């Protein structure tokens, strides 16, 4: 299954592009489990998981939430 990471700000809200109002996303890749996707996202984005797919940047504030494409469509 394909996984994406949506950028979240320091206040916990999902960040959007200023011109399109779409969520800022990073494609993580295709993985068999969410745990594998979160580990890979942490490596790619220099983050650490803090709770069930929510990862926090090691430098600065904010982070990402890792979702599969089905969950992303519901958001």
C-alpha atoms as a PDB file:
ATOM      1  CA  UNK A   1       0.000   0.000   0.000  1.00  0.00           C
ATOM      2  CA  UNK A   2       1.198   3.542  -0.774  1.00  0.00           C
ATOM      3  CA  UNK A   3       1.903   5.898   2.149  1.00  0.00           C
ATOM      4  CA  UNK A   4       2.066   9.690   2.395  1.00  0.00           C
ATOM      5  CA  UNK A   5       3.150  12.067   5.136  1.00  0.00           C
ATOM      6  CA  UNK A   6       1.120  15.236   5.739  1.00  0.00           C
ATOM      7  CA  UNK A   7       3.071  18.113   7.265  1.00  0.00           C
ATOM      8  CA  UNK A   8       1.771  19.412  10.584  1.00  0.00           C
ATOM      9  CA  UNK A   9       2.692  22.705  12.204  1.00  0.00           C
ATOM     10  CA  UNK A  10       3.820  23.417  15.760  1.00  0.00           C
ATOM     11  CA  UNK A  11       0.196  23.928  16.825  1.00  0.00           C
ATOM     12  CA  UNK A  12      -0.799  20.471  15.542  1.00  0.00           C
ATOM     13  CA  UNK A  13      -2.777  21.679  12.520  1.00  0.00           C
ATOM     14  CA  UNK A  14      -2.193  20.293   9.043  1.00  0.00           C
ATOM     15  CA  UNK A  15      -0.272  22.754   6.879  1.00  0.00           C
ATOM     16  CA  UNK A  16      -1.555  23.731   3.446  1.00  0.00           C
ATOM     17  CA  UNK A  17      -0.019  25.319   0.362  1.00  0.00           C
ATOM     18  CA  UNK A  18      -0.813  29.053   0.355  1.00  0.00           C
ATOM     19  CA  UNK A  19      -1.990  29.147  -3.277  1.00  0.00           C
ATOM     20  CA  UNK A  20      -3.828  25.828  -3.661  1.00  0.00           C
ATOM     21  CA  UNK A  21      -5.077  25.160  -0.099  1.00  0.00           C
ATOM     22  CA  UNK A  22      -4.062  21.486  -0.518  1.00  0.00           C
ATOM     23  CA  UNK A  23      -2.259  19.714   2.301  1.00  0.00           C
ATOM     24  CA  UNK A  24       1.529  19.715   2.081  1.00  0.00           C
ATOM     25  CA  UNK A  25       2.441  16.079   1.530  1.00  0.00           C
ATOM     26  CA  UNK A  26       5.540  13.979   1.021  1.00  0.00           C
ATOM     27  CA  UNK A  27       5.300  10.622  -0.720  1.00  0.00           C
ATOM     28  CA  UNK A  28       6.903   7.967   1.502  1.00  0.00           C
ATOM     29  CA  UNK A  29       6.545   4.952  -0.774  1.00  0.00           C
ATOM     30  CA  UNK A  30       4.878   1.571  -0.933  1.00  0.00           C
ATOM     31  CA  UNK A  31       5.102  -0.689   2.133  1.00  0.00           C
ATOM     32  CA  UNK A  32       3.378  -3.802   3.491  1.00  0.00           C
ATOM     33  CA  UNK A  33       2.741  -2.336   6.958  1.00  0.00           C
ATOM     34  CA  UNK A  34       2.277   1.087   8.479  1.00  0.00           C
ATOM     35  CA  UNK A  35       5.127   0.394  10.896  1.00  0.00           C
ATOM     36  CA  UNK A  36       7.523  -0.044   7.952  1.00  0.00           C
ATOM     37  CA  UNK A  37       6.234   3.174   6.387  1.00  0.00           C
ATOM     38  CA  UNK A  38       6.687   5.122   9.630  1.00  0.00           C
ATOM     39  CA  UNK A  39      10.261   3.821  10.073  1.00  0.00           C
ATOM     40  CA  UNK A  40      11.100   4.820   6.520  1.00  0.00           C
ATOM     41  CA  UNK A  41       9.439   8.239   6.929  1.00  0.00           C
ATOM     42  CA  UNK A  42      11.465   8.874  10.079  1.00  0.00           C
ATOM     43  CA  UNK A  43      14.635   8.075   8.155  1.00  0.00           C
ATOM     44  CA  UNK A  44      13.687  10.157   5.081  1.00  0.00           C
ATOM     45  CA  UNK A  45      12.439  13.190   6.998  1.00  0.00           C
ATOM     46  CA  UNK A  46      14.888  13.115   9.940  1.00  0.00           C
ATOM     47  CA  UNK A  47      12.070  12.637  12.459  1.00  0.00           C
ATOM     48  CA  UNK A  48      11.113  10.444  15.409  1.00  0.00           C
ATOM     49  CA  UNK A  49       7.748   8.763  15.989  1.00  0.00           C
ATOM     50  CA  UNK A  50       5.909  10.134  18.986  1.00  0.00           C
ATOM     51  CA  UNK A  51       2.497   8.411  18.692  1.00  0.00           C
ATOM     52  CA  UNK A  52       0.846   6.003  16.185  1.00  0.00           C
ATOM     53  CA  UNK A  53       2.182   7.411  12.934  1.00  0.00           C
ATOM     54  CA  UNK A  54       2.705  10.964  14.155  1.00  0.00           C
ATOM     55  CA  UNK A  55       6.354  11.871  13.746  1.00  0.00           C
ATOM     56  CA  UNK A  56       8.157  14.949  15.033  1.00  0.00           C
ATOM     57  CA  UNK A  57      11.061  16.730  13.380  1.00  0.00           C
ATOM     58  CA  UNK A  58      14.309  16.485  15.313  1.00  0.00           C
ATOM     59  CA  UNK A  59      15.214  20.047  14.360  1.00  0.00           C
ATOM     60  CA  UNK A  60      12.705  22.852  14.701  1.00  0.00           C
ATOM     61  CA  UNK A  61       9.035  22.456  15.426  1.00  0.00           C
ATOM     62  CA  UNK A  62       6.272  20.552  13.705  1.00  0.00           C
ATOM     63  CA  UNK A  63       6.298  17.177  12.086  1.00  0.00           C
ATOM     64  CA  UNK A  64       4.222  14.827   9.951  1.00  0.00           C
ATOM     65  CA  UNK A  65       1.400  12.336  10.178  1.00  0.00           C
ATOM     66  CA  UNK A  66       1.845   9.173   8.101  1.00  0.00           C
ATOM     67  CA  UNK A  67      -1.265   7.883   6.316  1.00  0.00           C
ATOM     68  CA  UNK A  68      -2.006   5.353   3.610  1.00  0.00           C
ATOM     69  CA  UNK A  69      -3.726   6.587   0.468  1.00  0.00           C
ATOM     70  CA  UNK A  70      -7.158   5.348   1.621  1.00  0.00           C
ATOM     71  CA  UNK A  71      -6.946   7.280   4.884  1.00  0.00           C
ATOM     72  CA  UNK A  72      -5.595  10.322   3.038  1.00  0.00           C
ATOM     73  CA  UNK A  73      -8.644  10.306   0.752  1.00  0.00           C
ATOM     74  CA  UNK A  74     -10.891  10.496   3.834  1.00  0.00           C
ATOM     75  CA  UNK A  75      -8.992  13.486   5.216  1.00  0.00           C
END
